[in-house]
């Protein structure tokens, strides 16, 4: 009804909320109390992005007590953020998963390796909710400061498709895995398949399917993805910039 709208007042976060969070984040990785301390640290903070600052309160970062770690080869850098219901899983023969400093992985994302596949994610890369990162046979290498929107998928392998045998009975194959260069931006719902090579600073549009090479600073859209423009050359970062985590 016209004239009946009510203004919603959003109050600022009380200062004691941050003090409370810092107190418990000091205990977040202590054996026996770590999960409880992480839960208490976020008790008065909103979910999703509201808890990202917790990662900066402890060099070992923030690991949601609702995350699931079933990957003994997982290595986390400093100040990483792992959100609710993120799953790290190692299937038979899976190799390591390595996260650089300041990596953010948001809720409901699945990170899995198998059959020799490995995953490497560079410093300062942000992976939004509900993404799927599957490295089987081939490696999945994501550079530094990459922005990955929600619902993206990465598959570093394919199924064999011999017509004499059902798909589920055929072995997996790989043509070299997937690589994503520094500073790239992967739009909502994009899919990167085995053999995809994304250059530094490239942009992949929402819903695109990438099966080959996208040069540095190119803009690619569509199914299959095609280049529709160029962004221009990115400035070279200094060594100090390379060490910084955005």
C-alpha atoms as a PDB file:
ATOM      1  CA  UNK A   1       0.000   0.000   0.000  1.00  0.00           C
ATOM      2  CA  UNK A   2       1.204   3.498  -0.849  1.00  0.00           C
ATOM      3  CA  UNK A   3       2.259   5.561   2.120  1.00  0.00           C
ATOM      4  CA  UNK A   4       2.632   2.553   4.399  1.00  0.00           C
ATOM      5  CA  UNK A   5       6.319   1.817   3.812  1.00  0.00           C
ATOM      6  CA  UNK A   6       8.365   1.608   6.996  1.00  0.00           C
ATOM      7  CA  UNK A   7      12.000   2.588   7.230  1.00  0.00           C
ATOM      8  CA  UNK A   8      14.259  -0.219   8.432  1.00  0.00           C
ATOM      9  CA  UNK A   9      16.948   0.977  10.800  1.00  0.00           C
ATOM     10  CA  UNK A  10      20.206  -0.972  10.718  1.00  0.00           C
ATOM     11  CA  UNK A  11      22.278  -0.420  13.810  1.00  0.00           C
ATOM     12  CA  UNK A  12      26.044  -0.583  13.766  1.00  0.00           C
ATOM     13  CA  UNK A  13      27.848  -3.565  15.156  1.00  0.00           C
ATOM     14  CA  UNK A  14      28.647  -3.135  18.870  1.00  0.00           C
ATOM     15  CA  UNK A  15      32.349  -2.839  19.516  1.00  0.00           C
ATOM     16  CA  UNK A  16      32.266  -5.642  22.019  1.00  0.00           C
ATOM     17  CA  UNK A  17      31.299  -8.079  19.262  1.00  0.00           C
ATOM     18  CA  UNK A  18      34.755  -7.683  17.696  1.00  0.00           C
ATOM     19  CA  UNK A  19      36.462  -7.908  21.072  1.00  0.00           C
ATOM     20  CA  UNK A  20      34.546 -11.117  21.754  1.00  0.00           C
ATOM     21  CA  UNK A  21      35.523 -12.492  18.352  1.00  0.00           C
ATOM     22  CA  UNK A  22      39.215 -11.687  18.831  1.00  0.00           C
ATOM     23  CA  UNK A  23      39.199 -13.349  22.256  1.00  0.00           C
ATOM     24  CA  UNK A  24      37.894 -16.641  20.883  1.00  0.00           C
ATOM     25  CA  UNK A  25      39.895 -16.563  17.649  1.00  0.00           C
ATOM     26  CA  UNK A  26      43.059 -16.745  19.761  1.00  0.00           C
ATOM     27  CA  UNK A  27      41.865 -20.213  20.791  1.00  0.00           C
ATOM     28  CA  UNK A  28      40.470 -21.252  17.405  1.00  0.00           C
ATOM     29  CA  UNK A  29      43.207 -23.732  16.506  1.00  0.00           C
ATOM     30  CA  UNK A  30      43.969 -25.173  19.928  1.00  0.00           C
ATOM     31  CA  UNK A  31      43.586 -28.922  20.098  1.00  0.00           C
ATOM     32  CA  UNK A  32      40.385 -29.981  21.802  1.00  0.00           C
ATOM     33  CA  UNK A  33      38.730 -26.551  21.868  1.00  0.00           C
ATOM     34  CA  UNK A  34      39.339 -25.201  18.367  1.00  0.00           C
ATOM     35  CA  UNK A  35      35.941 -25.930  16.809  1.00  0.00           C
ATOM     36  CA  UNK A  36      34.059 -24.629  19.816  1.00  0.00           C
ATOM     37  CA  UNK A  37      36.216 -21.483  19.902  1.00  0.00           C
ATOM     38  CA  UNK A  38      35.574 -20.856  16.181  1.00  0.00           C
ATOM     39  CA  UNK A  39      31.842 -21.205  16.760  1.00  0.00           C
ATOM     40  CA  UNK A  40      31.955 -18.796  19.690  1.00  0.00           C
ATOM     41  CA  UNK A  41      34.051 -16.310  17.703  1.00  0.00           C
ATOM     42  CA  UNK A  42      31.327 -16.018  15.068  1.00  0.00           C
ATOM     43  CA  UNK A  43      28.390 -16.197  17.453  1.00  0.00           C
ATOM     44  CA  UNK A  44      27.458 -12.518  17.216  1.00  0.00           C
ATOM     45  CA  UNK A  45      28.560 -11.919  13.633  1.00  0.00           C
ATOM     46  CA  UNK A  46      26.325 -12.308  10.568  1.00  0.00           C
ATOM     47  CA  UNK A  47      26.957 -15.305   8.305  1.00  0.00           C
ATOM     48  CA  UNK A  48      28.738 -15.367   4.947  1.00  0.00           C
ATOM     49  CA  UNK A  49      30.795 -12.168   4.461  1.00  0.00           C
ATOM     50  CA  UNK A  50      30.103 -11.006   8.006  1.00  0.00           C
ATOM     51  CA  UNK A  51      32.560 -13.578   9.313  1.00  0.00           C
ATOM     52  CA  UNK A  52      35.368 -12.956   6.830  1.00  0.00           C
ATOM     53  CA  UNK A  53      37.187 -10.589   9.269  1.00  0.00           C
ATOM     54  CA  UNK A  54      37.694 -13.550  11.602  1.00  0.00           C
ATOM     55  CA  UNK A  55      40.358 -14.877   9.223  1.00  0.00           C
ATOM     56  CA  UNK A  56      42.467 -11.800   9.888  1.00  0.00           C
ATOM     57  CA  UNK A  57      42.370 -12.333  13.652  1.00  0.00           C
ATOM     58  CA  UNK A  58      44.537 -15.455  13.616  1.00  0.00           C
ATOM     59  CA  UNK A  59      47.464 -16.253  11.280  1.00  0.00           C
ATOM     60  CA  UNK A  60      46.011 -19.740  10.863  1.00  0.00           C
ATOM     61  CA  UNK A  61      42.811 -18.206   9.568  1.00  0.00           C
ATOM     62  CA  UNK A  62      39.163 -19.052  10.156  1.00  0.00           C
ATOM     63  CA  UNK A  63      37.777 -22.518   9.550  1.00  0.00           C
ATOM     64  CA  UNK A  64      34.027 -22.739  10.037  1.00  0.00           C
ATOM     65  CA  UNK A  65      33.050 -25.452  12.534  1.00  0.00           C
ATOM     66  CA  UNK A  66      30.486 -26.464   9.889  1.00  0.00           C
ATOM     67  CA  UNK A  67      33.160 -27.113   7.241  1.00  0.00           C
ATOM     68  CA  UNK A  68      34.053 -30.719   6.393  1.00  0.00           C
ATOM     69  CA  UNK A  69      37.685 -31.764   6.048  1.00  0.00           C
ATOM     70  CA  UNK A  70      38.199 -35.200   4.532  1.00  0.00           C
ATOM     71  CA  UNK A  71      41.486 -34.452   2.792  1.00  0.00           C
ATOM     72  CA  UNK A  72      44.742 -35.300   4.605  1.00  0.00           C
ATOM     73  CA  UNK A  73      46.707 -33.531   1.853  1.00  0.00           C
ATOM     74  CA  UNK A  74      45.142 -30.124   2.543  1.00  0.00           C
ATOM     75  CA  UNK A  75      47.579 -27.272   3.190  1.00  0.00           C
ATOM     76  CA  UNK A  76      46.313 -23.810   4.174  1.00  0.00           C
ATOM     77  CA  UNK A  77      48.240 -20.544   3.941  1.00  0.00           C
ATOM     78  CA  UNK A  78      47.991 -17.692   6.426  1.00  0.00           C
ATOM     79  CA  UNK A  79      44.675 -15.962   7.134  1.00  0.00           C
ATOM     80  CA  UNK A  80      42.536 -18.212   4.937  1.00  0.00           C
ATOM     81  CA  UNK A  81      38.746 -18.140   5.292  1.00  0.00           C
ATOM     82  CA  UNK A  82      36.807 -21.407   4.928  1.00  0.00           C
ATOM     83  CA  UNK A  83      33.035 -20.937   5.147  1.00  0.00           C
ATOM     84  CA  UNK A  84      30.093 -23.044   6.260  1.00  0.00           C
ATOM     85  CA  UNK A  85      29.668 -26.482   4.692  1.00  0.00           C
ATOM     86  CA  UNK A  86      32.749 -26.206   2.484  1.00  0.00           C
ATOM     87  CA  UNK A  87      33.900 -29.754   1.734  1.00  0.00           C
ATOM     88  CA  UNK A  88      37.497 -30.830   1.094  1.00  0.00           C
ATOM     89  CA  UNK A  89      37.534 -34.440  -0.082  1.00  0.00           C
ATOM     90  CA  UNK A  90      40.286 -36.777  -1.254  1.00  0.00           C
ATOM     91  CA  UNK A  91      39.140 -39.655  -3.397  1.00  0.00           C
ATOM     92  CA  UNK A  92      41.338 -42.676  -4.150  1.00  0.00           C
ATOM     93  CA  UNK A  93      44.811 -41.593  -5.285  1.00  0.00           C
ATOM     94  CA  UNK A  94      44.101 -37.880  -4.939  1.00  0.00           C
ATOM     95  CA  UNK A  95      47.092 -35.573  -4.568  1.00  0.00           C
ATOM     96  CA  UNK A  96      47.440 -32.420  -2.487  1.00  0.00           C
ATOM     97  CA  UNK A  97      45.247 -29.336  -2.186  1.00  0.00           C
ATOM     98  CA  UNK A  98      47.325 -26.206  -1.495  1.00  0.00           C
ATOM     99  CA  UNK A  99      45.839 -22.817  -0.616  1.00  0.00           C
ATOM    100  CA  UNK A 100      47.953 -19.662  -0.559  1.00  0.00           C
ATOM    101  CA  UNK A 101      47.695 -16.820   1.926  1.00  0.00           C
ATOM    102  CA  UNK A 102      44.379 -15.008   2.243  1.00  0.00           C
ATOM    103  CA  UNK A 103      42.310 -17.429   0.159  1.00  0.00           C
ATOM    104  CA  UNK A 104      38.547 -17.200   0.772  1.00  0.00           C
ATOM    105  CA  UNK A 105      36.297 -20.176   0.015  1.00  0.00           C
ATOM    106  CA  UNK A 106      32.645 -19.549   0.745  1.00  0.00           C
ATOM    107  CA  UNK A 107      29.841 -21.827   1.801  1.00  0.00           C
ATOM    108  CA  UNK A 108      28.739 -25.034   0.058  1.00  0.00           C
ATOM    109  CA  UNK A 109      31.798 -25.211  -2.206  1.00  0.00           C
ATOM    110  CA  UNK A 110      33.272 -28.675  -2.910  1.00  0.00           C
ATOM    111  CA  UNK A 111      37.030 -29.136  -3.420  1.00  0.00           C
ATOM    112  CA  UNK A 112      38.046 -32.682  -4.349  1.00  0.00           C
ATOM    113  CA  UNK A 113      40.970 -34.592  -5.841  1.00  0.00           C
ATOM    114  CA  UNK A 114      41.403 -38.158  -7.105  1.00  0.00           C
ATOM    115  CA  UNK A 115      43.538 -40.378  -9.335  1.00  0.00           C
ATOM    116  CA  UNK A 116      46.595 -38.165  -9.084  1.00  0.00           C
ATOM    117  CA  UNK A 117      44.796 -34.860  -9.562  1.00  0.00           C
ATOM    118  CA  UNK A 118      45.939 -31.924  -7.472  1.00  0.00           C
ATOM    119  CA  UNK A 119      44.656 -28.398  -6.767  1.00  0.00           C
ATOM    120  CA  UNK A 120      46.661 -25.229  -6.160  1.00  0.00           C
ATOM    121  CA  UNK A 121      45.053 -21.861  -5.363  1.00  0.00           C
ATOM    122  CA  UNK A 122      47.163 -18.698  -5.215  1.00  0.00           C
ATOM    123  CA  UNK A 123      47.313 -15.891  -2.662  1.00  0.00           C
ATOM    124  CA  UNK A 124      44.260 -13.691  -2.231  1.00  0.00           C
ATOM    125  CA  UNK A 125      41.938 -15.673  -4.503  1.00  0.00           C
ATOM    126  CA  UNK A 126      38.231 -15.560  -3.605  1.00  0.00           C
ATOM    127  CA  UNK A 127      35.858 -18.419  -4.445  1.00  0.00           C
ATOM    128  CA  UNK A 128      32.197 -17.677  -3.877  1.00  0.00           C
ATOM    129  CA  UNK A 129      29.416 -20.021  -2.784  1.00  0.00           C
ATOM    130  CA  UNK A 130      28.394 -23.329  -4.363  1.00  0.00           C
ATOM    131  CA  UNK A 131      31.400 -23.826  -6.626  1.00  0.00           C
ATOM    132  CA  UNK A 132      32.734 -27.243  -7.647  1.00  0.00           C
ATOM    133  CA  UNK A 133      36.482 -27.848  -8.003  1.00  0.00           C
ATOM    134  CA  UNK A 134      37.231 -31.394  -9.146  1.00  0.00           C
ATOM    135  CA  UNK A 135      40.774 -32.425 -10.070  1.00  0.00           C
ATOM    136  CA  UNK A 136      41.100 -36.007 -11.271  1.00  0.00           C
ATOM    137  CA  UNK A 137      44.145 -37.071 -13.312  1.00  0.00           C
ATOM    138  CA  UNK A 138      44.959 -33.502 -14.375  1.00  0.00           C
ATOM    139  CA  UNK A 139      45.925 -30.593 -12.150  1.00  0.00           C
ATOM    140  CA  UNK A 140      43.729 -27.594 -11.404  1.00  0.00           C
ATOM    141  CA  UNK A 141      45.924 -24.527 -10.932  1.00  0.00           C
ATOM    142  CA  UNK A 142      44.328 -21.192 -10.010  1.00  0.00           C
ATOM    143  CA  UNK A 143      46.554 -18.140  -9.719  1.00  0.00           C
ATOM    144  CA  UNK A 144      46.655 -15.255  -7.271  1.00  0.00           C
ATOM    145  CA  UNK A 145      43.900 -12.659  -6.737  1.00  0.00           C
ATOM    146  CA  UNK A 146      41.440 -14.524  -8.958  1.00  0.00           C
ATOM    147  CA  UNK A 147      37.754 -13.734  -8.429  1.00  0.00           C
ATOM    148  CA  UNK A 148      35.405 -16.688  -8.943  1.00  0.00           C
ATOM    149  CA  UNK A 149      31.657 -16.014  -8.799  1.00  0.00           C
ATOM    150  CA  UNK A 150      29.082 -18.437  -7.327  1.00  0.00           C
ATOM    151  CA  UNK A 151      28.029 -21.685  -9.022  1.00  0.00           C
ATOM    152  CA  UNK A 152      31.197 -22.087 -11.113  1.00  0.00           C
ATOM    153  CA  UNK A 153      32.569 -25.540 -11.926  1.00  0.00           C
ATOM    154  CA  UNK A 154      36.071 -26.793 -12.788  1.00  0.00           C
ATOM    155  CA  UNK A 155      36.652 -30.331 -14.120  1.00  0.00           C
ATOM    156  CA  UNK A 156      40.209 -31.321 -15.026  1.00  0.00           C
ATOM    157  CA  UNK A 157      39.133 -34.612 -16.640  1.00  0.00           C
ATOM    158  CA  UNK A 158      36.710 -36.242 -19.059  1.00  0.00           C
ATOM    159  CA  UNK A 159      34.987 -39.611 -19.319  1.00  0.00           C
ATOM    160  CA  UNK A 160      35.932 -41.953 -22.108  1.00  0.00           C
ATOM    161  CA  UNK A 161      33.129 -42.262 -24.672  1.00  0.00           C
ATOM    162  CA  UNK A 162      33.759 -45.550 -26.458  1.00  0.00           C
ATOM    163  CA  UNK A 163      30.399 -46.563 -27.907  1.00  0.00           C
ATOM    164  CA  UNK A 164      30.860 -50.237 -27.018  1.00  0.00           C
ATOM    165  CA  UNK A 165      30.820 -49.633 -23.247  1.00  0.00           C
ATOM    166  CA  UNK A 166      28.607 -47.663 -20.904  1.00  0.00           C
ATOM    167  CA  UNK A 167      29.978 -44.272 -19.840  1.00  0.00           C
ATOM    168  CA  UNK A 168      30.130 -45.177 -16.169  1.00  0.00           C
ATOM    169  CA  UNK A 169      32.388 -48.191 -16.889  1.00  0.00           C
ATOM    170  CA  UNK A 170      34.968 -46.257 -18.899  1.00  0.00           C
ATOM    171  CA  UNK A 171      38.159 -44.806 -17.401  1.00  0.00           C
ATOM    172  CA  UNK A 172      38.669 -41.098 -16.949  1.00  0.00           C
ATOM    173  CA  UNK A 173      40.970 -39.275 -19.347  1.00  0.00           C
ATOM    174  CA  UNK A 174      42.707 -35.905 -19.186  1.00  0.00           C
ATOM    175  CA  UNK A 175      44.385 -33.641 -21.717  1.00  0.00           C
ATOM    176  CA  UNK A 176      46.405 -31.672 -19.200  1.00  0.00           C
ATOM    177  CA  UNK A 177      44.070 -30.185 -16.611  1.00  0.00           C
ATOM    178  CA  UNK A 178      43.070 -26.540 -16.103  1.00  0.00           C
ATOM    179  CA  UNK A 179      45.039 -23.362 -15.393  1.00  0.00           C
ATOM    180  CA  UNK A 180      43.733 -19.913 -14.470  1.00  0.00           C
ATOM    181  CA  UNK A 181      46.151 -16.976 -14.494  1.00  0.00           C
ATOM    182  CA  UNK A 182      46.528 -14.288 -11.855  1.00  0.00           C
ATOM    183  CA  UNK A 183      43.893 -11.537 -11.660  1.00  0.00           C
ATOM    184  CA  UNK A 184      41.339 -13.416 -13.784  1.00  0.00           C
ATOM    185  CA  UNK A 185      37.599 -13.039 -13.180  1.00  0.00           C
ATOM    186  CA  UNK A 186      35.276 -16.015 -13.657  1.00  0.00           C
ATOM    187  CA  UNK A 187      31.609 -14.985 -13.936  1.00  0.00           C
ATOM    188  CA  UNK A 188      28.554 -16.591 -12.352  1.00  0.00           C
ATOM    189  CA  UNK A 189      27.877 -20.169 -13.413  1.00  0.00           C
ATOM    190  CA  UNK A 190      30.883 -20.485 -15.747  1.00  0.00           C
ATOM    191  CA  UNK A 191      32.226 -23.987 -16.434  1.00  0.00           C
ATOM    192  CA  UNK A 192      35.903 -24.687 -17.146  1.00  0.00           C
ATOM    193  CA  UNK A 193      36.558 -28.101 -18.666  1.00  0.00           C
ATOM    194  CA  UNK A 194      39.717 -30.153 -19.069  1.00  0.00           C
ATOM    195  CA  UNK A 195      42.261 -28.317 -21.201  1.00  0.00           C
ATOM    196  CA  UNK A 196      41.010 -24.799 -20.366  1.00  0.00           C
ATOM    197  CA  UNK A 197      43.799 -22.198 -20.139  1.00  0.00           C
ATOM    198  CA  UNK A 198      42.792 -18.776 -18.837  1.00  0.00           C
ATOM    199  CA  UNK A 199      45.384 -16.015 -19.203  1.00  0.00           C
ATOM    200  CA  UNK A 200      46.268 -13.366 -16.651  1.00  0.00           C
ATOM    201  CA  UNK A 201      43.556 -10.768 -16.192  1.00  0.00           C
ATOM    202  CA  UNK A 202      41.082 -12.485 -18.522  1.00  0.00           C
ATOM    203  CA  UNK A 203      37.327 -12.260 -17.922  1.00  0.00           C
ATOM    204  CA  UNK A 204      34.980 -15.218 -18.433  1.00  0.00           C
ATOM    205  CA  UNK A 205      31.343 -14.189 -18.767  1.00  0.00           C
ATOM    206  CA  UNK A 206      28.462 -15.634 -16.774  1.00  0.00           C
ATOM    207  CA  UNK A 207      27.368 -19.059 -17.963  1.00  0.00           C
ATOM    208  CA  UNK A 208      30.289 -19.513 -20.366  1.00  0.00           C
ATOM    209  CA  UNK A 209      31.784 -22.947 -21.059  1.00  0.00           C
ATOM    210  CA  UNK A 210      35.552 -22.858 -21.634  1.00  0.00           C
ATOM    211  CA  UNK A 211      37.230 -25.768 -23.409  1.00  0.00           C
ATOM    212  CA  UNK A 212      40.421 -24.160 -24.757  1.00  0.00           C
ATOM    213  CA  UNK A 213      42.700 -21.147 -24.380  1.00  0.00           C
ATOM    214  CA  UNK A 214      41.628 -17.619 -23.459  1.00  0.00           C
ATOM    215  CA  UNK A 215      44.548 -15.159 -23.815  1.00  0.00           C
ATOM    216  CA  UNK A 216      45.612 -12.694 -21.140  1.00  0.00           C
ATOM    217  CA  UNK A 217      43.184  -9.760 -20.675  1.00  0.00           C
ATOM    218  CA  UNK A 218      40.666 -11.233 -23.142  1.00  0.00           C
ATOM    219  CA  UNK A 219      36.904 -11.178 -22.509  1.00  0.00           C
ATOM    220  CA  UNK A 220      35.183 -14.449 -23.426  1.00  0.00           C
ATOM    221  CA  UNK A 221      31.487 -15.326 -23.361  1.00  0.00           C
ATOM    222  CA  UNK A 222      29.156 -18.012 -24.649  1.00  0.00           C
ATOM    223  CA  UNK A 223      28.934 -21.776 -25.162  1.00  0.00           C
ATOM    224  CA  UNK A 224      31.565 -22.649 -26.152  1.00  0.00           C
ATOM    225  CA  UNK A 225      33.305 -19.482 -24.970  1.00  0.00           C
ATOM    226  CA  UNK A 226      34.520 -17.108 -27.686  1.00  0.00           C
ATOM    227  CA  UNK A 227      36.569 -13.950 -27.382  1.00  0.00           C
ATOM    228  CA  UNK A 228      34.539 -10.756 -27.815  1.00  0.00           C
ATOM    229  CA  UNK A 229      37.011  -8.120 -26.647  1.00  0.00           C
ATOM    230  CA  UNK A 230      40.215  -7.208 -24.841  1.00  0.00           C
ATOM    231  CA  UNK A 231      40.686  -5.309 -21.599  1.00  0.00           C
ATOM    232  CA  UNK A 232      44.098  -3.864 -22.383  1.00  0.00           C
ATOM    233  CA  UNK A 233      47.367  -4.709 -20.684  1.00  0.00           C
ATOM    234  CA  UNK A 234      47.355  -4.895 -16.886  1.00  0.00           C
ATOM    235  CA  UNK A 235      50.050  -2.983 -14.987  1.00  0.00           C
ATOM    236  CA  UNK A 236      52.968  -5.004 -13.683  1.00  0.00           C
ATOM    237  CA  UNK A 237      52.814  -5.535  -9.935  1.00  0.00           C
ATOM    238  CA  UNK A 238      55.873  -4.975  -7.767  1.00  0.00           C
ATOM    239  CA  UNK A 239      57.348  -7.747  -5.654  1.00  0.00           C
ATOM    240  CA  UNK A 240      55.834  -6.059  -2.582  1.00  0.00           C
ATOM    241  CA  UNK A 241      52.420  -6.118  -4.258  1.00  0.00           C
ATOM    242  CA  UNK A 242      52.861  -9.786  -5.088  1.00  0.00           C
ATOM    243  CA  UNK A 243      53.352 -10.540  -1.398  1.00  0.00           C
ATOM    244  CA  UNK A 244      50.358  -8.500  -0.291  1.00  0.00           C
ATOM    245  CA  UNK A 245      47.012 -10.199   0.226  1.00  0.00           C
ATOM    246  CA  UNK A 246      44.018  -8.142  -0.869  1.00  0.00           C
END
